[in-house]
PDB file of N, CA and C in Angstrom:
ATOM      1  N   MET A   1     -90.462 -66.620 108.164  1.00  0.00           N
ATOM      2  CA  MET A   1     -90.586 -66.087 106.884  1.00  0.00           C
ATOM      3  C   MET A   1     -89.323 -65.811 105.865  1.00  0.00           C
ATOM      4  N   ARG A   2     -89.250 -66.277 104.687  1.00  0.00           N
ATOM      5  CA  ARG A   2     -88.131 -66.524 103.916  1.00  0.00           C
ATOM      6  C   ARG A   2     -87.863 -65.318 102.957  1.00  0.00           C
ATOM      7  N   ASP A   3     -86.749 -64.573 102.629  1.00  0.00           N
ATOM      8  CA  ASP A   3     -86.591 -63.877 101.858  1.00  0.00           C
ATOM      9  C   ASP A   3     -86.771 -64.072 100.058  1.00  0.00           C
ATOM     10  N   THR A   4     -87.468 -63.322  99.840  1.00  0.00           N
ATOM     11  CA  THR A   4     -87.692 -63.665  98.194  1.00  0.00           C
ATOM     12  C   THR A   4     -86.458 -63.372  97.508  1.00  0.00           C
ATOM     13  N   PRO A   5     -86.102 -63.999  96.260  1.00  0.00           N
ATOM     14  CA  PRO A   5     -85.020 -63.575  95.736  1.00  0.00           C
ATOM     15  C   PRO A   5     -84.908 -62.144  95.538  1.00  0.00           C
ATOM     16  N   ARG A   6     -85.718 -61.200  95.228  1.00  0.00           N
ATOM     17  CA  ARG A   6     -85.383 -59.677  95.369  1.00  0.00           C
ATOM     18  C   ARG A   6     -85.096 -59.328  96.479  1.00  0.00           C
ATOM     19  N   GLN A   7     -85.348 -59.590  97.519  1.00  0.00           N
ATOM     20  CA  GLN A   7     -84.807 -59.313  98.734  1.00  0.00           C
ATOM     21  C   GLN A   7     -83.465 -59.620  99.144  1.00  0.00           C
ATOM     22  N   ARG A   8     -83.377 -60.716  98.758  1.00  0.00           N
ATOM     23  CA  ARG A   8     -81.917 -61.240  98.928  1.00  0.00           C
ATOM     24  C   ARG A   8     -80.813 -60.256  97.897  1.00  0.00           C
ATOM     25  N   GLU A   9     -81.231 -60.205  96.924  1.00  0.00           N
ATOM     26  CA  GLU A   9     -80.370 -59.456  95.930  1.00  0.00           C
ATOM     27  C   GLU A   9     -80.135 -58.121  96.437  1.00  0.00           C
ATOM     28  N   HIS A  10     -80.967 -57.405  96.962  1.00  0.00           N
ATOM     29  CA  HIS A  10     -80.723 -55.948  97.707  1.00  0.00           C
ATOM     30  C   HIS A  10     -80.469 -55.946  99.259  1.00  0.00           C
ATOM     31  N   THR A  11     -80.332 -57.145  99.906  1.00  0.00           N
ATOM     32  CA  THR A  11     -79.788 -57.032 101.037  1.00  0.00           C
ATOM     33  C   THR A  11     -78.194 -56.420 101.611  1.00  0.00           C
ATOM     34  N   ALA A  12     -78.124 -55.732 102.106  1.00  0.00           N
ATOM     35  CA  ALA A  12     -76.815 -55.183 102.309  1.00  0.00           C
ATOM     36  C   ALA A  12     -76.069 -56.182 103.172  1.00  0.00           C
ATOM     37  N   ARG A  13     -74.676 -56.611 102.870  1.00  0.00           N
ATOM     38  CA  ARG A  13     -73.952 -57.479 103.657  1.00  0.00           C
ATOM     39  C   ARG A  13     -72.624 -56.800 104.422  1.00  0.00           C
ATOM     40  N   VAL A  14     -72.758 -56.497 106.032  1.00  0.00           N
ATOM     41  CA  VAL A  14     -71.789 -55.881 106.215  1.00  0.00           C
ATOM     42  C   VAL A  14     -71.428 -56.680 107.402  1.00  0.00           C
ATOM     43  N   VAL A  15     -70.423 -56.684 108.035  1.00  0.00           N
ATOM     44  CA  VAL A  15     -69.739 -57.718 109.253  1.00  0.00           C
ATOM     45  C   VAL A  15     -68.983 -56.128 110.204  1.00  0.00           C
ATOM     46  N   ARG A  16     -68.581 -56.884 111.182  1.00  0.00           N
ATOM     47  CA  ARG A  16     -68.266 -56.138 112.363  1.00  0.00           C
ATOM     48  C   ARG A  16     -66.805 -56.773 112.712  1.00  0.00           C
ATOM     49  N   CYS A  17     -66.123 -56.559 112.776  1.00  0.00           N
ATOM     50  CA  CYS A  17     -64.528 -56.758 113.272  1.00  0.00           C
ATOM     51  C   CYS A  17     -64.571 -57.141 114.617  1.00  0.00           C
ATOM     52  N   VAL A  18     -64.086 -58.716 114.638  1.00  0.00           N
ATOM     53  CA  VAL A  18     -63.909 -59.528 116.011  1.00  0.00           C
ATOM     54  C   VAL A  18     -63.339 -58.489 117.101  1.00  0.00           C
ATOM     55  N   GLU A  19     -62.216 -57.715 116.663  1.00  0.00           N
ATOM     56  CA  GLU A  19     -61.234 -57.279 117.632  1.00  0.00           C
ATOM     57  C   GLU A  19     -61.994 -56.021 118.066  1.00  0.00           C
ATOM     58  N   CYS A  20     -62.190 -55.017 117.103  1.00  0.00           N
ATOM     59  CA  CYS A  20     -62.483 -53.429 117.602  1.00  0.00           C
ATOM     60  C   CYS A  20     -64.037 -53.326 117.323  1.00  0.00           C
ATOM     61  N   GLY A  21     -64.741 -54.058 116.571  1.00  0.00           N
ATOM     62  CA  GLY A  21     -66.208 -53.911 116.493  1.00  0.00           C
ATOM     63  C   GLY A  21     -66.540 -53.102 115.293  1.00  0.00           C
ATOM     64  N   CYS A  22     -65.691 -52.355 114.552  1.00  0.00           N
ATOM     65  CA  CYS A  22     -65.906 -51.381 113.704  1.00  0.00           C
ATOM     66  C   CYS A  22     -66.874 -52.548 112.249  1.00  0.00           C
ATOM     67  N   SER A  23     -67.467 -51.399 111.632  1.00  0.00           N
ATOM     68  CA  SER A  23     -68.447 -52.046 110.458  1.00  0.00           C
ATOM     69  C   SER A  23     -67.470 -51.953 109.142  1.00  0.00           C
ATOM     70  N   SER A  24     -67.610 -53.019 108.524  1.00  0.00           N
ATOM     71  CA  SER A  24     -66.912 -53.131 107.347  1.00  0.00           C
ATOM     72  C   SER A  24     -67.512 -52.287 106.042  1.00  0.00           C
ATOM     73  N   GLY A  25     -68.674 -51.741 106.086  1.00  0.00           N
ATOM     74  CA  GLY A  25     -69.502 -50.951 105.006  1.00  0.00           C
ATOM     75  C   GLY A  25     -69.654 -52.071 103.965  1.00  0.00           C
ATOM     76  N   LEU A  26     -70.077 -51.370 102.773  1.00  0.00           N
ATOM     77  CA  LEU A  26     -70.490 -52.291 101.933  1.00  0.00           C
ATOM     78  C   LEU A  26     -69.678 -53.061 100.977  1.00  0.00           C
ATOM     79  N   ARG A  27     -68.195 -52.351 100.698  1.00  0.00           N
ATOM     80  CA  ARG A  27     -67.378 -52.773  99.989  1.00  0.00           C
ATOM     81  C   ARG A  27     -66.349 -53.895 100.798  1.00  0.00           C
ATOM     82  N   TRP A  28     -66.126 -53.880 101.836  1.00  0.00           N
ATOM     83  CA  TRP A  28     -65.185 -54.795 102.584  1.00  0.00           C
ATOM     84  C   TRP A  28     -64.010 -54.669 102.058  1.00  0.00           C
ATOM     85  N   ARG A  29     -63.237 -53.735 101.388  1.00  0.00           N
ATOM     86  CA  ARG A  29     -61.805 -53.252 101.061  1.00  0.00           C
ATOM     87  C   ARG A  29     -60.931 -53.513 102.243  1.00  0.00           C
ATOM     88  N   GLY A  30     -60.165 -54.640 101.935  1.00  0.00           N
ATOM     89  CA  GLY A  30     -59.305 -54.621 103.000  1.00  0.00           C
ATOM     90  C   GLY A  30     -59.396 -55.668 104.262  1.00  0.00           C
ATOM     91  N   TRP A  31     -60.595 -56.084 104.049  1.00  0.00           N
ATOM     92  CA  TRP A  31     -61.041 -57.053 105.383  1.00  0.00           C
ATOM     93  C   TRP A  31     -60.658 -58.399 105.051  1.00  0.00           C
ATOM     94  N   GLY A  32     -60.401 -59.305 106.096  1.00  0.00           N
ATOM     95  CA  GLY A  32     -60.226 -60.331 106.020  1.00  0.00           C
ATOM     96  C   GLY A  32     -61.100 -61.371 106.747  1.00  0.00           C
ATOM     97  N   ALA A  33     -61.547 -62.523 106.159  1.00  0.00           N
ATOM     98  CA  ALA A  33     -62.183 -63.567 106.857  1.00  0.00           C
ATOM     99  C   ALA A  33     -61.425 -64.850 107.174  1.00  0.00           C
ATOM    100  N   TYR A  34     -61.350 -65.174 108.586  1.00  0.00           N
ATOM    101  CA  TYR A  34     -60.296 -66.218 109.043  1.00  0.00           C
ATOM    102  C   TYR A  34     -61.234 -67.375 109.835  1.00  0.00           C
ATOM    103  N   ARG A  35     -61.029 -68.647 109.568  1.00  0.00           N
ATOM    104  CA  ARG A  35     -61.642 -69.595 110.372  1.00  0.00           C
ATOM    105  C   ARG A  35     -60.853 -69.837 111.654  1.00  0.00           C
ATOM    106  N   TYR A  36     -61.925 -69.648 112.779  1.00  0.00           N
ATOM    107  CA  TYR A  36     -61.601 -70.124 114.149  1.00  0.00           C
ATOM    108  C   TYR A  36     -61.769 -71.112 114.949  1.00  0.00           C
ATOM    109  N   GLU A  37     -61.305 -71.695 115.322  1.00  0.00           N
ATOM    110  CA  GLU A  37     -61.636 -72.917 116.030  1.00  0.00           C
ATOM    111  C   GLU A  37     -60.955 -72.824 117.484  1.00  0.00           C
ATOM    112  N   ASP A  38     -61.578 -73.033 118.660  1.00  0.00           N
ATOM    113  CA  ASP A  38     -61.140 -72.746 120.090  1.00  0.00           C
ATOM    114  C   ASP A  38     -60.714 -74.334 120.486  1.00  0.00           C
ATOM    115  N   ALA A  39     -59.617 -74.409 120.790  1.00  0.00           N
ATOM    116  CA  ALA A  39     -59.071 -75.761 121.195  1.00  0.00           C
ATOM    117  C   ALA A  39     -59.742 -76.138 122.442  1.00  0.00           C
ATOM    118  N   GLU A  40     -60.226 -75.005 123.299  1.00  0.00           N
ATOM    119  CA  GLU A  40     -60.594 -75.347 124.586  1.00  0.00           C
ATOM    120  C   GLU A  40     -62.036 -76.321 124.797  1.00  0.00           C
ATOM    121  N   THR A  41     -62.950 -75.805 123.833  1.00  0.00           N
ATOM    122  CA  THR A  41     -64.115 -76.312 123.807  1.00  0.00           C
ATOM    123  C   THR A  41     -64.409 -77.165 122.720  1.00  0.00           C
ATOM    124  N   THR A  42     -65.795 -77.750 122.444  1.00  0.00           N
ATOM    125  CA  THR A  42     -66.074 -78.792 121.568  1.00  0.00           C
ATOM    126  C   THR A  42     -66.950 -77.898 120.466  1.00  0.00           C
ATOM    127  N   ASP A  43     -67.074 -76.630 120.697  1.00  0.00           N
ATOM    128  CA  ASP A  43     -67.909 -75.878 119.416  1.00  0.00           C
ATOM    129  C   ASP A  43     -67.303 -76.107 118.346  1.00  0.00           C
ATOM    130  N   PRO A  44     -67.980 -76.047 117.221  1.00  0.00           N
ATOM    131  CA  PRO A  44     -67.516 -76.171 115.747  1.00  0.00           C
ATOM    132  C   PRO A  44     -66.998 -75.087 115.372  1.00  0.00           C
ATOM    133  N   PRO A  45     -66.144 -74.900 114.515  1.00  0.00           N
ATOM    134  CA  PRO A  45     -65.389 -73.731 113.964  1.00  0.00           C
ATOM    135  C   PRO A  45     -66.301 -72.416 113.657  1.00  0.00           C
ATOM    136  N   VAL A  46     -65.675 -71.393 113.728  1.00  0.00           N
ATOM    137  CA  VAL A  46     -66.509 -70.218 113.173  1.00  0.00           C
ATOM    138  C   VAL A  46     -66.035 -69.452 112.327  1.00  0.00           C
ATOM    139  N   ILE A  47     -66.354 -68.426 111.273  1.00  0.00           N
ATOM    140  CA  ILE A  47     -65.690 -67.699 110.637  1.00  0.00           C
ATOM    141  C   ILE A  47     -65.840 -66.437 111.371  1.00  0.00           C
ATOM    142  N   VAL A  48     -64.422 -65.779 111.502  1.00  0.00           N
ATOM    143  CA  VAL A  48     -64.355 -64.212 112.135  1.00  0.00           C
ATOM    144  C   VAL A  48     -63.738 -62.966 111.035  1.00  0.00           C
ATOM    145  N   PHE A  49     -64.298 -62.035 111.447  1.00  0.00           N
ATOM    146  CA  PHE A  49     -63.820 -61.071 110.438  1.00  0.00           C
ATOM    147  C   PHE A  49     -62.985 -59.885 111.058  1.00  0.00           C
ATOM    148  N   TYR A  50     -61.833 -59.612 110.489  1.00  0.00           N
ATOM    149  CA  TYR A  50     -61.029 -58.467 111.160  1.00  0.00           C
ATOM    150  C   TYR A  50     -60.989 -57.483 109.803  1.00  0.00           C
ATOM    151  N   CYS A  51     -60.916 -56.137 110.670  1.00  0.00           N
ATOM    152  CA  CYS A  51     -60.764 -54.952 109.637  1.00  0.00           C
ATOM    153  C   CYS A  51     -59.297 -54.830 109.233  1.00  0.00           C
ATOM    154  N   PRO A  52     -58.832 -54.186 108.434  1.00  0.00           N
ATOM    155  CA  PRO A  52     -57.366 -54.150 108.002  1.00  0.00           C
ATOM    156  C   PRO A  52     -56.332 -53.471 109.121  1.00  0.00           C
ATOM    157  N   SER A  53     -56.739 -52.962 109.766  1.00  0.00           N
ATOM    158  CA  SER A  53     -56.011 -52.415 111.015  1.00  0.00           C
ATOM    159  C   SER A  53     -55.639 -53.424 112.246  1.00  0.00           C
ATOM    160  N   CYS A  54     -56.972 -54.018 112.367  1.00  0.00           N
ATOM    161  CA  CYS A  54     -56.714 -55.317 113.534  1.00  0.00           C
ATOM    162  C   CYS A  54     -55.670 -56.493 112.738  1.00  0.00           C
ATOM    163  N   ALA A  55     -56.153 -56.460 111.446  1.00  0.00           N
ATOM    164  CA  ALA A  55     -55.496 -57.801 110.822  1.00  0.00           C
ATOM    165  C   ALA A  55     -53.912 -57.515 111.148  1.00  0.00           C
ATOM    166  N   GLU A  56     -53.558 -56.447 110.755  1.00  0.00           N
ATOM    167  CA  GLU A  56     -52.140 -56.112 110.561  1.00  0.00           C
ATOM    168  C   GLU A  56     -51.624 -56.220 112.163  1.00  0.00           C
ATOM    169  N   ASN A  57     -52.607 -55.528 113.001  1.00  0.00           N
ATOM    170  CA  ASN A  57     -51.995 -55.784 114.441  1.00  0.00           C
ATOM    171  C   ASN A  57     -51.989 -57.415 114.832  1.00  0.00           C
ATOM    172  N   GLU A  58     -52.870 -58.117 114.431  1.00  0.00           N
ATOM    173  CA  GLU A  58     -53.226 -59.543 114.785  1.00  0.00           C
ATOM    174  C   GLU A  58     -52.025 -60.394 114.440  1.00  0.00           C
ATOM    175  N   PHE A  59     -51.884 -60.766 113.127  1.00  0.00           N
ATOM    176  CA  PHE A  59     -51.171 -61.482 112.215  1.00  0.00           C
ATOM    177  C   PHE A  59     -50.083 -60.713 111.520  1.00  0.00           C
ATOM    178  N   GLY A  60     -49.646 -59.324 111.472  1.00  0.00           N
ATOM    179  CA  GLY A  60     -48.488 -58.939 110.929  1.00  0.00           C
ATOM    180  C   GLY A  60     -48.614 -58.632 109.509  1.00  0.00           C
ATOM    181  N   HIS A  61     -49.902 -58.516 109.217  1.00  0.00           N
ATOM    182  CA  HIS A  61     -49.972 -58.264 107.720  1.00  0.00           C
ATOM    183  C   HIS A  61     -51.492 -57.706 107.588  1.00  0.00           C
ATOM    184  N   SER A  62     -52.092 -57.219 106.588  1.00  0.00           N
ATOM    185  CA  SER A  62     -53.384 -56.684 106.207  1.00  0.00           C
ATOM    186  C   SER A  62     -53.389 -57.211 104.483  1.00  0.00           C
ATOM    187  N   ARG A  63     -54.825 -56.726 104.676  1.00  0.00           N
ATOM    188  CA  ARG A  63     -55.468 -57.262 102.951  1.00  0.00           C
ATOM    189  C   ARG A  63     -55.540 -55.969 102.419  1.00  0.00           C
ATOM    190  N   ARG A  64     -54.806 -55.071 102.606  1.00  0.00           N
ATOM    191  CA  ARG A  64     -55.253 -53.836 101.619  1.00  0.00           C
ATOM    192  C   ARG A  64     -54.755 -54.006 100.341  1.00  0.00           C
ATOM    193  N   VAL A  65     -55.729 -53.523  99.593  1.00  0.00           N
ATOM    194  CA  VAL A  65     -55.506 -53.617  98.110  1.00  0.00           C
ATOM    195  C   VAL A  65     -55.353 -52.286  97.625  1.00  0.00           C
TER     196      VAL A  65
END
């Protein structure tokens, strides 16, 4: 069953941090999306999300605004 335009308009979009599993909430403030490609498999690249704290730990920076 497909969503109607009205349902898509009101669907909450939240994501979970790939490292710690916390939820982004509705505003995503400071969150980052990164393309991840595992060189050891033939799986296609995926998009992963990092919360501000985990982005800073993983990459040495955060996207805090």
